[in-house]
Amino acid sequence: MKKDGFLPSILWPMNWPIQASTKMTTQLITNASRENNVKLQAMKITANSMTRLISIDKVR
């Protein structure tokens, strides 16, 4: 790394709030996508169950 007398941007106090908000936003997006994944899986299971019930009713 070139030593030109400047601090890396992460060490500059003016960047701290920006980095904190970016990290929080990333965590929120990650948590939301995980929650949506769980809901999607539940919907797939429900759809499969309903398809089976409809098929059984048609056979009767």
PDB file of N, CA and C in Angstrom:
ATOM      1  N   MET A   1       0.834  -1.174   0.000  1.00  0.00           N
ATOM      2  CA  MET A   1       0.000   0.000   0.000  1.00  0.00           C
ATOM      3  C   MET A   1       0.886   1.248   0.000  1.00  0.00           C
ATOM      4  N   LYS A   2       0.520   2.173  -0.827  1.00  0.00           N
ATOM      5  CA  LYS A   2       1.301   3.402  -0.950  1.00  0.00           C
ATOM      6  C   LYS A   2       1.088   4.286   0.286  1.00  0.00           C
ATOM      7  N   LYS A   3       2.179   4.752   0.869  1.00  0.00           N
ATOM      8  CA  LYS A   3       2.085   5.633   2.035  1.00  0.00           C
ATOM      9  C   LYS A   3       2.196   7.073   1.555  1.00  0.00           C
ATOM     10  N   ASP A   4       1.050   7.707   1.354  1.00  0.00           N
ATOM     11  CA  ASP A   4       1.065   9.085   0.868  1.00  0.00           C
ATOM     12  C   ASP A   4       0.569  10.079   1.922  1.00  0.00           C
ATOM     13  N   GLY A   5       0.479   9.644   3.177  1.00  0.00           N
ATOM     14  CA  GLY A   5       0.098  10.550   4.252  1.00  0.00           C
ATOM     15  C   GLY A   5      -1.393  10.638   4.513  1.00  0.00           C
ATOM     16  N   PHE A   6      -2.203   9.873   3.766  1.00  0.00           N
ATOM     17  CA  PHE A   6      -3.649   9.903   3.974  1.00  0.00           C
ATOM     18  C   PHE A   6      -4.090   8.675   4.761  1.00  0.00           C
ATOM     19  N   LEU A   7      -5.115   8.858   5.582  1.00  0.00           N
ATOM     20  CA  LEU A   7      -5.692   7.725   6.303  1.00  0.00           C
ATOM     21  C   LEU A   7      -6.625   6.960   5.372  1.00  0.00           C
ATOM     22  N   PRO A   8      -6.717   5.660   5.541  1.00  0.00           N
ATOM     23  CA  PRO A   8      -7.737   4.924   4.784  1.00  0.00           C
ATOM     24  C   PRO A   8      -9.122   5.477   5.123  1.00  0.00           C
ATOM     25  N   SER A   9     -10.028   5.450   4.178  1.00  0.00           N
ATOM     26  CA  SER A   9     -11.331   6.097   4.368  1.00  0.00           C
ATOM     27  C   SER A   9     -12.097   5.553   5.570  1.00  0.00           C
ATOM     28  N   ILE A  10     -11.904   4.275   5.924  1.00  0.00           N
ATOM     29  CA  ILE A  10     -12.650   3.700   7.046  1.00  0.00           C
ATOM     30  C   ILE A  10     -12.231   4.335   8.372  1.00  0.00           C
ATOM     31  N   LEU A  11     -11.027   4.880   8.424  1.00  0.00           N
ATOM     32  CA  LEU A  11     -10.550   5.496   9.657  1.00  0.00           C
ATOM     33  C   LEU A  11     -10.950   6.966   9.769  1.00  0.00           C
ATOM     34  N   TRP A  12     -11.491   7.522   8.713  1.00  0.00           N
ATOM     35  CA  TRP A  12     -11.855   8.927   8.733  1.00  0.00           C
ATOM     36  C   TRP A  12     -13.210   9.081   9.420  1.00  0.00           C
ATOM     37  N   PRO A  13     -13.298   9.815  10.537  1.00  0.00           N
ATOM     38  CA  PRO A  13     -14.544   9.902  11.318  1.00  0.00           C
ATOM     39  C   PRO A  13     -15.761  10.347  10.521  1.00  0.00           C
ATOM     40  N   MET A  14     -15.577  11.155   9.493  1.00  0.00           N
ATOM     41  CA  MET A  14     -16.721  11.623   8.706  1.00  0.00           C
ATOM     42  C   MET A  14     -17.420  10.469   7.992  1.00  0.00           C
ATOM     43  N   ASN A  15     -16.736   9.356   7.780  1.00  0.00           N
ATOM     44  CA  ASN A  15     -17.329   8.223   7.073  1.00  0.00           C
ATOM     45  C   ASN A  15     -18.071   7.264   8.004  1.00  0.00           C
ATOM     46  N   TRP A  16     -17.916   7.396   9.294  1.00  0.00           N
ATOM     47  CA  TRP A  16     -18.532   6.446  10.223  1.00  0.00           C
ATOM     48  C   TRP A  16     -20.057   6.376  10.093  1.00  0.00           C
ATOM     49  N   PRO A  17     -20.779   7.509  10.088  1.00  0.00           N
ATOM     50  CA  PRO A  17     -22.237   7.411   9.970  1.00  0.00           C
ATOM     51  C   PRO A  17     -22.673   6.771   8.651  1.00  0.00           C
ATOM     52  N   ILE A  18     -21.951   7.062   7.578  1.00  0.00           N
ATOM     53  CA  ILE A  18     -22.293   6.487   6.274  1.00  0.00           C
ATOM     54  C   ILE A  18     -22.129   4.973   6.311  1.00  0.00           C
ATOM     55  N   GLN A  19     -21.013   4.504   6.860  1.00  0.00           N
ATOM     56  CA  GLN A  19     -20.766   3.069   6.919  1.00  0.00           C
ATOM     57  C   GLN A  19     -21.765   2.380   7.833  1.00  0.00           C
ATOM     58  N   ALA A  20     -22.136   3.017   8.946  1.00  0.00           N
ATOM     59  CA  ALA A  20     -23.093   2.421   9.873  1.00  0.00           C
ATOM     60  C   ALA A  20     -24.454   2.275   9.212  1.00  0.00           C
ATOM     61  N   SER A  21     -24.911   3.305   8.506  1.00  0.00           N
ATOM     62  CA  SER A  21     -26.229   3.219   7.871  1.00  0.00           C
ATOM     63  C   SER A  21     -26.225   2.207   6.738  1.00  0.00           C
ATOM     64  N   THR A  22     -25.131   2.105   6.013  1.00  0.00           N
ATOM     65  CA  THR A  22     -25.036   1.121   4.931  1.00  0.00           C
ATOM     66  C   THR A  22     -25.092  -0.292   5.495  1.00  0.00           C
ATOM     67  N   LYS A  23     -24.387  -0.522   6.597  1.00  0.00           N
ATOM     68  CA  LYS A  23     -24.387  -1.848   7.214  1.00  0.00           C
ATOM     69  C   LYS A  23     -25.787  -2.204   7.702  1.00  0.00           C
ATOM     70  N   MET A  24     -26.483  -1.253   8.327  1.00  0.00           N
ATOM     71  CA  MET A  24     -27.833  -1.494   8.832  1.00  0.00           C
ATOM     72  C   MET A  24     -28.783  -1.796   7.680  1.00  0.00           C
ATOM     73  N   THR A  25     -28.668  -1.043   6.591  1.00  0.00           N
ATOM     74  CA  THR A  25     -29.513  -1.272   5.419  1.00  0.00           C
ATOM     75  C   THR A  25     -29.275  -2.666   4.862  1.00  0.00           C
ATOM     76  N   THR A  26     -28.029  -3.075   4.781  1.00  0.00           N
ATOM     77  CA  THR A  26     -27.693  -4.411   4.287  1.00  0.00           C
ATOM     78  C   THR A  26     -28.311  -5.481   5.180  1.00  0.00           C
ATOM     79  N   GLN A  27     -28.244  -5.296   6.497  1.00  0.00           N
ATOM     80  CA  GLN A  27     -28.830  -6.270   7.421  1.00  0.00           C
ATOM     81  C   GLN A  27     -30.340  -6.331   7.256  1.00  0.00           C
ATOM     82  N   LEU A  28     -30.989  -5.179   7.096  1.00  0.00           N
ATOM     83  CA  LEU A  28     -32.437  -5.157   6.924  1.00  0.00           C
ATOM     84  C   LEU A  28     -32.849  -5.877   5.648  1.00  0.00           C
ATOM     85  N   ILE A  29     -32.120  -5.634   4.566  1.00  0.00           N
ATOM     86  CA  ILE A  29     -32.432  -6.289   3.293  1.00  0.00           C
ATOM     87  C   ILE A  29     -32.230  -7.791   3.413  1.00  0.00           C
ATOM     88  N   THR A  30     -31.141  -8.202   4.065  1.00  0.00           N
ATOM     89  CA  THR A  30     -30.865  -9.627   4.244  1.00  0.00           C
ATOM     90  C   THR A  30     -31.962 -10.290   5.062  1.00  0.00           C
ATOM     91  N   ASN A  31     -32.364  -9.662   6.159  1.00  0.00           N
ATOM     92  CA  ASN A  31     -33.418 -10.223   7.004  1.00  0.00           C
ATOM     93  C   ASN A  31     -34.743 -10.302   6.258  1.00  0.00           C
ATOM     94  N   ALA A  32     -35.067  -9.282   5.484  1.00  0.00           N
ATOM     95  CA  ALA A  32     -36.315  -9.273   4.726  1.00  0.00           C
ATOM     96  C   ALA A  32     -36.315 -10.376   3.679  1.00  0.00           C
ATOM     97  N   SER A  33     -35.190 -10.580   3.002  1.00  0.00           N
ATOM     98  CA  SER A  33     -35.149 -11.618   1.974  1.00  0.00           C
ATOM     99  C   SER A  33     -35.243 -13.006   2.600  1.00  0.00           C
ATOM    100  N   ARG A  34     -34.655 -13.194   3.783  1.00  0.00           N
ATOM    101  CA  ARG A  34     -34.792 -14.483   4.471  1.00  0.00           C
ATOM    102  C   ARG A  34     -36.245 -14.736   4.848  1.00  0.00           C
ATOM    103  N   GLU A  35     -36.910 -13.699   5.356  1.00  0.00           N
ATOM    104  CA  GLU A  35     -38.312 -13.838   5.754  1.00  0.00           C
ATOM    105  C   GLU A  35     -39.178 -14.150   4.542  1.00  0.00           C
ATOM    106  N   ASN A  36     -38.917 -13.476   3.427  1.00  0.00           N
ATOM    107  CA  ASN A  36     -39.674 -13.735   2.206  1.00  0.00           C
ATOM    108  C   ASN A  36     -39.429 -15.146   1.698  1.00  0.00           C
ATOM    109  N   ASN A  37     -38.203 -15.645   1.845  1.00  0.00           N
ATOM    110  CA  ASN A  37     -37.891 -17.012   1.440  1.00  0.00           C
ATOM    111  C   ASN A  37     -38.720 -18.013   2.230  1.00  0.00           C
ATOM    112  N   VAL A  38     -38.827 -17.789   3.535  1.00  0.00           N
ATOM    113  CA  VAL A  38     -39.612 -18.681   4.388  1.00  0.00           C
ATOM    114  C   VAL A  38     -41.074 -18.654   3.959  1.00  0.00           C
ATOM    115  N   LYS A  39     -41.597 -17.454   3.697  1.00  0.00           N
ATOM    116  CA  LYS A  39     -42.994 -17.331   3.264  1.00  0.00           C
ATOM    117  C   LYS A  39     -43.209 -18.026   1.923  1.00  0.00           C
ATOM    118  N   LEU A  40     -42.252 -17.879   1.008  1.00  0.00           N
ATOM    119  CA  LEU A  40     -42.368 -18.510  -0.302  1.00  0.00           C
ATOM    120  C   LEU A  40     -42.389 -20.028  -0.171  1.00  0.00           C
ATOM    121  N   GLN A  41     -41.521 -20.571   0.677  1.00  0.00           N
ATOM    122  CA  GLN A  41     -41.495 -22.016   0.894  1.00  0.00           C
ATOM    123  C   GLN A  41     -42.821 -22.494   1.478  1.00  0.00           C
ATOM    124  N   ALA A  42     -43.376 -21.732   2.418  1.00  0.00           N
ATOM    125  CA  ALA A  42     -44.663 -22.093   3.016  1.00  0.00           C
ATOM    126  C   ALA A  42     -45.767 -22.071   1.965  1.00  0.00           C
ATOM    127  N   MET A  43     -45.721 -21.086   1.059  1.00  0.00           N
ATOM    128  CA  MET A  43     -46.722 -21.013  -0.002  1.00  0.00           C
ATOM    129  C   MET A  43     -46.611 -22.205  -0.948  1.00  0.00           C
ATOM    130  N   LYS A  44     -45.385 -22.621  -1.251  1.00  0.00           N
ATOM    131  CA  LYS A  44     -45.194 -23.778  -2.132  1.00  0.00           C
ATOM    132  C   LYS A  44     -45.759 -25.036  -1.493  1.00  0.00           C
ATOM    133  N   ILE A  45     -45.497 -25.218  -0.204  1.00  0.00           N
ATOM    134  CA  ILE A  45     -46.005 -26.394   0.508  1.00  0.00           C
ATOM    135  C   ILE A  45     -47.526 -26.376   0.518  1.00  0.00           C
ATOM    136  N   THR A  46     -48.114 -25.208   0.790  1.00  0.00           N
ATOM    137  CA  THR A  46     -49.572 -25.077   0.810  1.00  0.00           C
ATOM    138  C   THR A  46     -50.153 -25.373  -0.565  1.00  0.00           C
ATOM    139  N   ALA A  47     -49.534 -24.853  -1.613  1.00  0.00           N
ATOM    140  CA  ALA A  47     -50.021 -25.086  -2.974  1.00  0.00           C
ATOM    141  C   ALA A  47     -49.965 -26.569  -3.318  1.00  0.00           C
ATOM    142  N   ASN A  48     -48.887 -27.250  -2.928  1.00  0.00           N
ATOM    143  CA  ASN A  48     -48.782 -28.689  -3.177  1.00  0.00           C
ATOM    144  C   ASN A  48     -49.875 -29.448  -2.446  1.00  0.00           C
ATOM    145  N   SER A  49     -50.130 -29.076  -1.208  1.00  0.00           N
ATOM    146  CA  SER A  49     -51.164 -29.752  -0.422  1.00  0.00           C
ATOM    147  C   SER A  49     -52.534 -29.548  -1.046  1.00  0.00           C
ATOM    148  N   MET A  50     -52.813 -28.329  -1.497  1.00  0.00           N
ATOM    149  CA  MET A  50     -54.114 -28.042  -2.105  1.00  0.00           C
ATOM    150  C   MET A  50     -54.282 -28.815  -3.406  1.00  0.00           C
ATOM    151  N   THR A  51     -53.224 -28.924  -4.187  1.00  0.00           N
ATOM    152  CA  THR A  51     -53.289 -29.673  -5.441  1.00  0.00           C
ATOM    153  C   THR A  51     -53.619 -31.133  -5.162  1.00  0.00           C
ATOM    154  N   ARG A  52     -53.007 -31.697  -4.134  1.00  0.00           N
ATOM    155  CA  ARG A  52     -53.289 -33.091  -3.772  1.00  0.00           C
ATOM    156  C   ARG A  52     -54.734 -33.263  -3.331  1.00  0.00           C
ATOM    157  N   LEU A  53     -55.247 -32.328  -2.532  1.00  0.00           N
ATOM    158  CA  LEU A  53     -56.632 -32.422  -2.070  1.00  0.00           C
ATOM    159  C   LEU A  53     -57.603 -32.327  -3.235  1.00  0.00           C
ATOM    160  N   ILE A  54     -57.339 -31.440  -4.166  1.00  0.00           N
ATOM    161  CA  ILE A  54     -58.208 -31.298  -5.340  1.00  0.00           C
ATOM    162  C   ILE A  54     -58.174 -32.578  -6.162  1.00  0.00           C
ATOM    163  N   SER A  55     -56.998 -33.175  -6.320  1.00  0.00           N
ATOM    164  CA  SER A  55     -56.872 -34.422  -7.082  1.00  0.00           C
ATOM    165  C   SER A  55     -57.653 -35.542  -6.412  1.00  0.00           C
ATOM    166  N   ILE A  56     -57.583 -35.630  -5.097  1.00  0.00           N
ATOM    167  CA  ILE A  56     -58.309 -36.678  -4.359  1.00  0.00           C
ATOM    168  C   ILE A  56     -59.806 -36.488  -4.532  1.00  0.00           C
ATOM    169  N   ASP A  57     -60.291 -35.246  -4.458  1.00  0.00           N
ATOM    170  CA  ASP A  57     -61.719 -34.984  -4.634  1.00  0.00           C
ATOM    171  C   ASP A  57     -62.184 -35.361  -6.035  1.00  0.00           C
ATOM    172  N   LYS A  58     -61.363 -35.150  -7.044  1.00  0.00           N
ATOM    173  CA  LYS A  58     -61.741 -35.494  -8.417  1.00  0.00           C
ATOM    174  C   LYS A  58     -61.848 -37.001  -8.594  1.00  0.00           C
ATOM    175  N   VAL A  59     -61.006 -37.754  -7.894  1.00  0.00           N
ATOM    176  CA  VAL A  59     -61.019 -39.212  -8.001  1.00  0.00           C
ATOM    177  C   VAL A  59     -62.291 -39.771  -7.379  1.00  0.00           C
ATOM    178  N   ARG A  60     -62.748 -39.163  -6.304  1.00  0.00           N
ATOM    179  CA  ARG A  60     -63.966 -39.641  -5.619  1.00  0.00           C
ATOM    180  C   ARG A  60     -65.121 -39.391  -6.487  1.00  0.00           C
TER     181      ARG A  60
END
